[in-house]
Structure formats: structure tokens, C-alpha cells
Amino acid sequence: MKDAVSIKVDGLPFEHKVPEVVRVSYDIPTLFIDVKSFDMDEDKATIKFDRILGFRVLDEGDLLEFWNDQRPKGWLWEVLENGWFDFEKTRDEFLSACHEDELKEYLILGINDCVNVLTFNAPIISFTTSLK
């Protein structure tokens, strides 16, 4: 498979750190993903997706097509080409390919796990910081 083409999502807290995915919660039709900064503080972000088509959680080593020279900064990317959705579209049985013009794909990077999300809406990001 070709290298993925992605762009960074703006407005991220602790965007220069790679966080840890600490919780994934799906309660039809909403997906919540909590990430925590990877140091001693308690900074946390929650990424909320409405109207999702699907999601997957994989070890970062299983997503090597994303680790290329064109990769953007940050830990939340919108995947434009050669991501999970394009891979699934190669299957004749993937009926959701009919949503190609409406669907967006996002990737949340974590130090251990990464989460791909296929959704019809952009994510909503909320942030809490520790009091030191």
C-alpha cells in the first residue's frame, strides 16, 4: 500500500507531545477517545466523534504506512489518501464505499495505541489541565 497522506488538525492541546490513548468509549452514535499527555502532568483531551461509520484501535507498529516523510506534526490527523478507508474500498463487499464524498477519516496517535475513525462530522476536542 502507498504511504498515507494526512494533514494535522489545528487547535490541539499539548500538540508537540505524543499522548497515550487511555480510554475509548462507544455509545451509539457517539465515540469518545481520551488521551493523556505522556509525562507526569494530568493534562487530558477528549475527542468526541458523532455520526461515525466505524473505528479501529491498533498498535502503532501496525500502521507503518502513516510514518512517512510527509507526516504532519501533532497527534490528531485527518487522513486524505491511502488510509484505512481507501484500504477498505478495495474490498467488493465494503458497502460503505458509497459514502466516499461525505466521509472523513481521522487518526489519533498514541504512544502505544492508535485509533482510526471513519465519520461524517469533524471531531470536537475538549481539554482539561492539571492544577500544579
N, C-alpha and C. Protein backbone atom coordinates (compact mmCIF):
# COMPACT_ATOMS: atom_id res chain seq x y z
N MET A 1 0.84 -1.18 0.00
CA MET A 1 0.00 0.00 0.00
C MET A 1 0.89 1.24 0.00
N LYS A 2 0.41 2.29 -0.64
CA LYS A 2 1.14 3.55 -0.70
C LYS A 2 1.12 4.23 0.67
N ASP A 3 2.06 5.17 0.85
CA ASP A 3 2.09 5.95 2.08
C ASP A 3 0.82 6.77 2.21
N ALA A 4 0.36 6.89 3.43
CA ALA A 4 -0.83 7.70 3.71
C ALA A 4 -0.50 9.18 3.58
N VAL A 5 -1.49 9.95 3.18
CA VAL A 5 -1.38 11.40 3.09
C VAL A 5 -2.35 11.98 4.10
N SER A 6 -1.81 12.77 5.04
CA SER A 6 -2.62 13.30 6.13
C SER A 6 -2.29 14.76 6.37
N ILE A 7 -3.23 15.45 7.04
CA ILE A 7 -2.99 16.82 7.49
C ILE A 7 -3.31 16.88 8.98
N LYS A 8 -2.61 17.77 9.67
CA LYS A 8 -2.83 17.89 11.11
C LYS A 8 -4.11 18.65 11.38
N VAL A 9 -4.77 18.30 12.46
CA VAL A 9 -5.95 19.02 12.92
C VAL A 9 -5.45 20.13 13.84
N ASP A 10 -5.87 21.35 13.60
CA ASP A 10 -5.42 22.50 14.38
C ASP A 10 -6.12 22.58 15.72
N GLY A 11 -5.51 23.33 16.64
CA GLY A 11 -6.12 23.61 17.93
C GLY A 11 -5.95 22.52 18.96
N LEU A 12 -4.94 21.67 18.81
CA LEU A 12 -4.74 20.58 19.74
C LEU A 12 -4.02 21.04 21.00
N PRO A 13 -4.44 20.57 22.16
CA PRO A 13 -3.63 20.78 23.36
C PRO A 13 -2.40 19.87 23.30
N PHE A 14 -1.36 20.24 24.00
CA PHE A 14 -0.08 19.51 24.04
C PHE A 14 0.26 18.87 22.70
N GLU A 15 0.16 19.68 21.63
CA GLU A 15 0.32 19.12 20.29
C GLU A 15 1.73 18.66 19.97
N HIS A 16 2.72 19.08 20.75
CA HIS A 16 4.10 18.67 20.47
C HIS A 16 4.51 17.42 21.25
N LYS A 17 3.55 16.81 21.94
CA LYS A 17 3.79 15.57 22.66
C LYS A 17 2.97 14.47 21.99
N VAL A 18 3.45 13.25 22.09
CA VAL A 18 2.63 12.12 21.64
C VAL A 18 1.92 11.60 22.89
N PRO A 19 0.61 11.68 22.92
CA PRO A 19 -0.11 11.27 24.13
C PRO A 19 -0.31 9.76 24.20
N GLU A 20 -0.92 9.35 25.27
CA GLU A 20 -1.33 7.96 25.42
C GLU A 20 -2.85 7.89 25.32
N VAL A 21 -3.35 6.97 24.51
CA VAL A 21 -4.79 6.73 24.46
C VAL A 21 -5.15 5.97 25.72
N VAL A 22 -6.00 6.57 26.57
CA VAL A 22 -6.31 5.94 27.86
C VAL A 22 -7.74 5.42 27.95
N ARG A 23 -8.61 5.85 27.00
CA ARG A 23 -9.99 5.35 27.04
C ARG A 23 -10.62 5.52 25.67
N VAL A 24 -11.34 4.48 25.25
CA VAL A 24 -12.16 4.52 24.04
C VAL A 24 -13.54 4.04 24.46
N SER A 25 -14.55 4.89 24.23
CA SER A 25 -15.90 4.57 24.66
C SER A 25 -16.88 4.86 23.52
N TYR A 26 -17.66 3.86 23.18
CA TYR A 26 -18.63 4.00 22.08
C TYR A 26 -20.02 3.74 22.63
N ASP A 27 -20.88 4.76 22.53
CA ASP A 27 -22.27 4.61 22.98
C ASP A 27 -23.20 5.09 21.88
N ILE A 28 -23.38 4.29 20.91
CA ILE A 28 -24.11 4.60 19.68
C ILE A 28 -24.94 5.86 19.84
N PRO A 29 -24.75 6.91 19.10
CA PRO A 29 -23.91 7.06 17.92
C PRO A 29 -22.62 7.86 18.17
N THR A 30 -22.15 7.93 19.40
CA THR A 30 -21.02 8.79 19.73
C THR A 30 -19.81 7.98 20.19
N LEU A 31 -18.63 8.40 19.72
CA LEU A 31 -17.37 7.79 20.12
C LEU A 31 -16.58 8.83 20.89
N PHE A 32 -16.12 8.46 22.09
CA PHE A 32 -15.27 9.32 22.91
C PHE A 32 -13.90 8.67 23.04
N ILE A 33 -12.85 9.45 22.82
CA ILE A 33 -11.49 8.95 22.98
C ILE A 33 -10.75 9.92 23.90
N ASP A 34 -10.24 9.41 25.01
CA ASP A 34 -9.45 10.22 25.93
C ASP A 34 -7.98 9.95 25.69
N VAL A 35 -7.22 11.02 25.62
CA VAL A 35 -5.77 10.92 25.53
C VAL A 35 -5.17 11.75 26.66
N LYS A 36 -4.02 11.31 27.12
CA LYS A 36 -3.35 11.97 28.23
C LYS A 36 -1.92 12.25 27.81
N SER A 37 -1.41 13.43 28.18
CA SER A 37 -0.04 13.75 27.81
C SER A 37 0.92 12.78 28.48
N PHE A 38 1.99 12.47 27.79
CA PHE A 38 2.92 11.44 28.26
C PHE A 38 4.05 12.07 29.07
N ASP A 39 3.71 12.50 30.25
CA ASP A 39 4.69 12.95 31.23
C ASP A 39 3.99 12.93 32.58
N MET A 40 4.51 13.60 33.53
CA MET A 40 3.98 13.48 34.88
C MET A 40 2.74 14.32 35.15
N ASP A 41 2.35 15.20 34.23
CA ASP A 41 1.17 16.02 34.49
C ASP A 41 -0.10 15.25 34.17
N GLU A 42 -1.21 15.87 34.42
CA GLU A 42 -2.50 15.21 34.23
C GLU A 42 -3.30 15.84 33.08
N ASP A 43 -2.63 16.51 32.15
CA ASP A 43 -3.32 17.11 31.02
C ASP A 43 -4.02 16.03 30.20
N LYS A 44 -5.29 16.28 29.88
CA LYS A 44 -6.08 15.28 29.18
C LYS A 44 -6.94 15.97 28.13
N ALA A 45 -7.13 15.31 27.02
CA ALA A 45 -8.05 15.78 25.99
C ALA A 45 -9.06 14.67 25.71
N THR A 46 -10.28 15.07 25.43
CA THR A 46 -11.32 14.14 25.00
C THR A 46 -11.71 14.54 23.58
N ILE A 47 -11.68 13.57 22.70
CA ILE A 47 -12.07 13.78 21.31
C ILE A 47 -13.40 13.07 21.13
N LYS A 48 -14.39 13.84 20.70
CA LYS A 48 -15.74 13.31 20.53
C LYS A 48 -16.08 13.28 19.04
N PHE A 49 -16.54 12.13 18.59
CA PHE A 49 -16.99 11.97 17.22
C PHE A 49 -18.46 11.58 17.23
N ASP A 50 -19.26 12.30 16.46
CA ASP A 50 -20.66 11.95 16.24
C ASP A 50 -20.80 11.39 14.83
N ARG A 51 -21.81 10.58 14.64
CA ARG A 51 -22.10 10.01 13.32
C ARG A 51 -20.91 9.27 12.74
N ILE A 52 -20.44 8.30 13.47
CA ILE A 52 -19.30 7.53 12.96
C ILE A 52 -19.79 6.33 12.16
N LEU A 53 -18.98 5.94 11.22
CA LEU A 53 -19.24 4.73 10.44
C LEU A 53 -18.49 3.55 11.06
N GLY A 54 -17.31 3.82 11.61
CA GLY A 54 -16.54 2.76 12.23
C GLY A 54 -15.28 3.31 12.86
N PHE A 55 -14.65 2.46 13.69
CA PHE A 55 -13.37 2.82 14.28
C PHE A 55 -12.58 1.55 14.53
N ARG A 56 -11.26 1.71 14.65
CA ARG A 56 -10.40 0.58 14.97
C ARG A 56 -9.26 1.08 15.85
N VAL A 57 -8.81 0.22 16.73
CA VAL A 57 -7.69 0.52 17.61
C VAL A 57 -6.58 -0.48 17.28
N LEU A 58 -5.40 0.05 16.93
CA LEU A 58 -4.27 -0.79 16.57
C LEU A 58 -2.99 -0.25 17.20
N ASP A 59 -2.04 -1.14 17.40
CA ASP A 59 -0.70 -0.74 17.81
C ASP A 59 -0.09 0.11 16.69
N GLU A 60 0.69 1.12 17.08
CA GLU A 60 1.28 2.00 16.05
C GLU A 60 2.15 1.24 15.07
N GLY A 61 2.73 0.13 15.49
CA GLY A 61 3.55 -0.67 14.59
C GLY A 61 2.77 -1.32 13.46
N ASP A 62 1.45 -1.43 13.63
CA ASP A 62 0.60 -1.99 12.58
C ASP A 62 0.10 -0.94 11.60
N LEU A 63 0.57 0.29 11.76
CA LEU A 63 0.13 1.39 10.89
C LEU A 63 1.33 2.09 10.27
N LEU A 64 2.30 1.33 9.82
CA LEU A 64 3.54 1.90 9.33
C LEU A 64 3.37 2.78 8.09
N GLU A 65 2.27 2.60 7.35
CA GLU A 65 2.06 3.44 6.17
C GLU A 65 1.87 4.91 6.54
N PHE A 66 1.59 5.20 7.81
CA PHE A 66 1.42 6.58 8.25
C PHE A 66 2.74 7.24 8.65
N TRP A 67 3.78 6.45 8.92
CA TRP A 67 5.05 7.01 9.39
C TRP A 67 5.95 7.23 8.18
N ASN A 68 5.72 8.33 7.49
CA ASN A 68 6.48 8.64 6.28
C ASN A 68 6.98 10.09 6.35
N ASP A 69 7.74 10.49 5.35
CA ASP A 69 8.34 11.83 5.34
C ASP A 69 7.31 12.95 5.25
N GLN A 70 6.12 12.67 4.75
CA GLN A 70 5.10 13.70 4.61
C GLN A 70 4.20 13.80 5.84
N ARG A 71 4.48 13.03 6.87
CA ARG A 71 3.58 13.01 8.03
C ARG A 71 3.54 14.38 8.70
N PRO A 72 2.36 14.82 9.08
CA PRO A 72 2.23 16.13 9.72
C PRO A 72 2.62 16.07 11.20
N LYS A 73 2.76 17.24 11.79
CA LYS A 73 3.00 17.32 13.22
C LYS A 73 1.69 17.08 13.95
N GLY A 74 1.76 16.97 15.26
CA GLY A 74 0.56 16.80 16.05
C GLY A 74 0.21 15.33 16.25
N TRP A 75 -0.89 15.09 16.96
CA TRP A 75 -1.28 13.72 17.28
C TRP A 75 -2.69 13.38 16.80
N LEU A 76 -3.35 14.33 16.13
CA LEU A 76 -4.65 14.06 15.51
C LEU A 76 -4.58 14.53 14.08
N TRP A 77 -4.75 13.61 13.15
CA TRP A 77 -4.64 13.91 11.74
C TRP A 77 -5.94 13.58 11.02
N GLU A 78 -6.21 14.36 9.98
CA GLU A 78 -7.24 13.96 9.02
C GLU A 78 -6.52 13.25 7.88
N VAL A 79 -6.93 12.05 7.58
CA VAL A 79 -6.29 11.23 6.55
C VAL A 79 -6.99 11.52 5.23
N LEU A 80 -6.23 11.99 4.26
CA LEU A 80 -6.80 12.37 2.97
C LEU A 80 -6.72 11.26 1.92
N GLU A 81 -5.64 10.47 1.96
CA GLU A 81 -5.44 9.42 0.96
C GLU A 81 -4.69 8.25 1.57
N ASN A 82 -4.96 7.08 1.03
CA ASN A 82 -4.21 5.86 1.35
C ASN A 82 -4.28 5.46 2.82
N GLY A 83 -5.41 5.72 3.43
CA GLY A 83 -5.62 5.32 4.81
C GLY A 83 -6.50 4.08 4.90
N TRP A 84 -7.12 3.93 6.05
CA TRP A 84 -7.97 2.77 6.31
C TRP A 84 -9.16 2.73 5.35
N PHE A 85 -9.81 3.89 5.13
CA PHE A 85 -10.98 3.92 4.24
C PHE A 85 -10.60 3.47 2.83
N ASP A 86 -9.49 3.99 2.30
CA ASP A 86 -9.08 3.59 0.96
C ASP A 86 -8.74 2.10 0.91
N PHE A 87 -8.16 1.58 1.98
CA PHE A 87 -7.87 0.14 2.05
C PHE A 87 -9.18 -0.66 2.02
N GLU A 88 -10.15 -0.25 2.81
CA GLU A 88 -11.43 -0.97 2.84
C GLU A 88 -12.15 -0.90 1.50
N LYS A 89 -12.00 0.20 0.77
CA LYS A 89 -12.67 0.34 -0.53
C LYS A 89 -12.17 -0.66 -1.56
N THR A 90 -11.03 -1.29 -1.30
CA THR A 90 -10.54 -2.30 -2.25
C THR A 90 -11.34 -3.59 -2.17
N ARG A 91 -12.14 -3.73 -1.12
CA ARG A 91 -12.97 -4.92 -0.96
C ARG A 91 -14.32 -4.70 -1.65
N ASP A 92 -14.73 -5.62 -2.49
CA ASP A 92 -16.03 -5.52 -3.17
C ASP A 92 -17.18 -5.50 -2.17
N GLU A 93 -17.01 -6.15 -1.04
CA GLU A 93 -18.08 -6.26 -0.04
C GLU A 93 -18.20 -5.05 0.87
N PHE A 94 -17.35 -4.05 0.70
CA PHE A 94 -17.38 -2.87 1.57
C PHE A 94 -18.44 -1.91 1.05
N LEU A 95 -19.66 -2.07 1.52
CA LEU A 95 -20.80 -1.30 1.03
C LEU A 95 -20.70 0.18 1.37
N SER A 96 -20.00 0.52 2.44
CA SER A 96 -19.90 1.92 2.86
C SER A 96 -19.05 2.78 1.93
N ALA A 97 -18.45 2.17 0.93
CA ALA A 97 -17.70 2.95 -0.07
C ALA A 97 -18.61 3.96 -0.78
N CYS A 98 -19.91 3.72 -0.76
CA CYS A 98 -20.84 4.65 -1.41
C CYS A 98 -20.87 6.01 -0.72
N HIS A 99 -20.32 6.11 0.48
CA HIS A 99 -20.28 7.38 1.22
C HIS A 99 -18.99 8.16 0.99
N GLU A 100 -18.25 7.81 -0.04
CA GLU A 100 -16.92 8.37 -0.27
C GLU A 100 -16.89 9.89 -0.25
N ASP A 101 -17.87 10.55 -0.81
CA ASP A 101 -17.86 12.01 -0.89
C ASP A 101 -18.22 12.67 0.44
N GLU A 102 -18.84 11.96 1.36
CA GLU A 102 -19.28 12.53 2.62
C GLU A 102 -18.38 12.18 3.80
N LEU A 103 -17.65 11.10 3.71
CA LEU A 103 -16.94 10.53 4.84
C LEU A 103 -15.55 11.13 5.01
N LYS A 104 -15.15 11.28 6.28
CA LYS A 104 -13.80 11.72 6.62
C LYS A 104 -13.16 10.63 7.46
N GLU A 105 -11.84 10.58 7.37
CA GLU A 105 -11.08 9.64 8.20
C GLU A 105 -10.12 10.43 9.08
N TYR A 106 -10.04 10.04 10.33
CA TYR A 106 -9.12 10.66 11.28
C TYR A 106 -8.26 9.58 11.93
N LEU A 107 -7.05 9.97 12.33
CA LEU A 107 -6.16 9.09 13.05
C LEU A 107 -5.68 9.81 14.30
N ILE A 108 -5.85 9.17 15.44
CA ILE A 108 -5.34 9.66 16.71
C ILE A 108 -4.12 8.83 17.06
N LEU A 109 -3.00 9.50 17.23
CA LEU A 109 -1.76 8.82 17.57
C LEU A 109 -1.63 8.66 19.07
N GLY A 110 -1.14 7.53 19.49
CA GLY A 110 -0.83 7.29 20.89
C GLY A 110 0.51 6.61 21.01
N ILE A 111 1.10 6.66 22.19
CA ILE A 111 2.42 6.04 22.37
C ILE A 111 2.35 4.53 22.26
N ASN A 112 1.20 3.95 22.53
CA ASN A 112 1.04 2.50 22.40
C ASN A 112 -0.02 2.14 21.38
N ASP A 113 -1.15 2.81 21.44
CA ASP A 113 -2.26 2.50 20.55
C ASP A 113 -2.62 3.71 19.71
N CYS A 114 -3.14 3.44 18.53
CA CYS A 114 -3.65 4.48 17.64
C CYS A 114 -5.11 4.14 17.32
N VAL A 115 -5.90 5.16 17.03
CA VAL A 115 -7.32 4.96 16.72
C VAL A 115 -7.64 5.61 15.39
N ASN A 116 -8.13 4.81 14.43
CA ASN A 116 -8.68 5.33 13.18
C ASN A 116 -10.18 5.49 13.36
N VAL A 117 -10.72 6.57 12.81
CA VAL A 117 -12.16 6.82 12.89
C VAL A 117 -12.67 7.21 11.51
N LEU A 118 -13.73 6.56 11.06
CA LEU A 118 -14.45 6.95 9.86
C LEU A 118 -15.72 7.63 10.32
N THR A 119 -15.91 8.89 9.91
CA THR A 119 -17.01 9.69 10.44
C THR A 119 -17.55 10.65 9.39
N PHE A 120 -18.75 11.11 9.63
CA PHE A 120 -19.35 12.12 8.75
C PHE A 120 -19.14 13.54 9.28
N ASN A 121 -18.71 13.68 10.53
CA ASN A 121 -18.53 15.00 11.15
C ASN A 121 -17.11 15.16 11.67
N ALA A 122 -16.65 16.39 11.72
CA ALA A 122 -15.35 16.69 12.31
C ALA A 122 -15.42 16.45 13.82
N PRO A 123 -14.30 16.11 14.43
CA PRO A 123 -14.31 15.86 15.87
C PRO A 123 -14.45 17.15 16.68
N ILE A 124 -14.93 16.99 17.91
CA ILE A 124 -14.99 18.08 18.88
C ILE A 124 -13.98 17.73 19.96
N ILE A 125 -13.06 18.67 20.25
CA ILE A 125 -11.97 18.41 21.19
C ILE A 125 -12.16 19.26 22.42
N SER A 126 -12.14 18.61 23.59
CA SER A 126 -12.17 19.36 24.86
C SER A 126 -10.91 19.01 25.62
N PHE A 127 -10.49 19.93 26.49
CA PHE A 127 -9.19 19.81 27.14
C PHE A 127 -9.31 20.15 28.62
N THR A 128 -8.67 19.35 29.45
CA THR A 128 -8.57 19.67 30.87
C THR A 128 -7.10 19.61 31.25
N THR A 129 -6.71 20.51 32.12
CA THR A 129 -5.31 20.57 32.53
C THR A 129 -5.22 20.39 34.04
N SER A 130 -4.10 19.88 34.47
CA SER A 130 -3.90 19.68 35.90
C SER A 130 -3.58 21.02 36.56
N LEU A 131 -3.88 21.12 37.81
CA LEU A 131 -3.51 22.28 38.59
C LEU A 131 -2.25 21.94 39.34
N LYS A 132 -1.20 22.67 39.07
CA LYS A 132 0.08 22.38 39.73
C LYS A 132 0.38 23.38 40.78
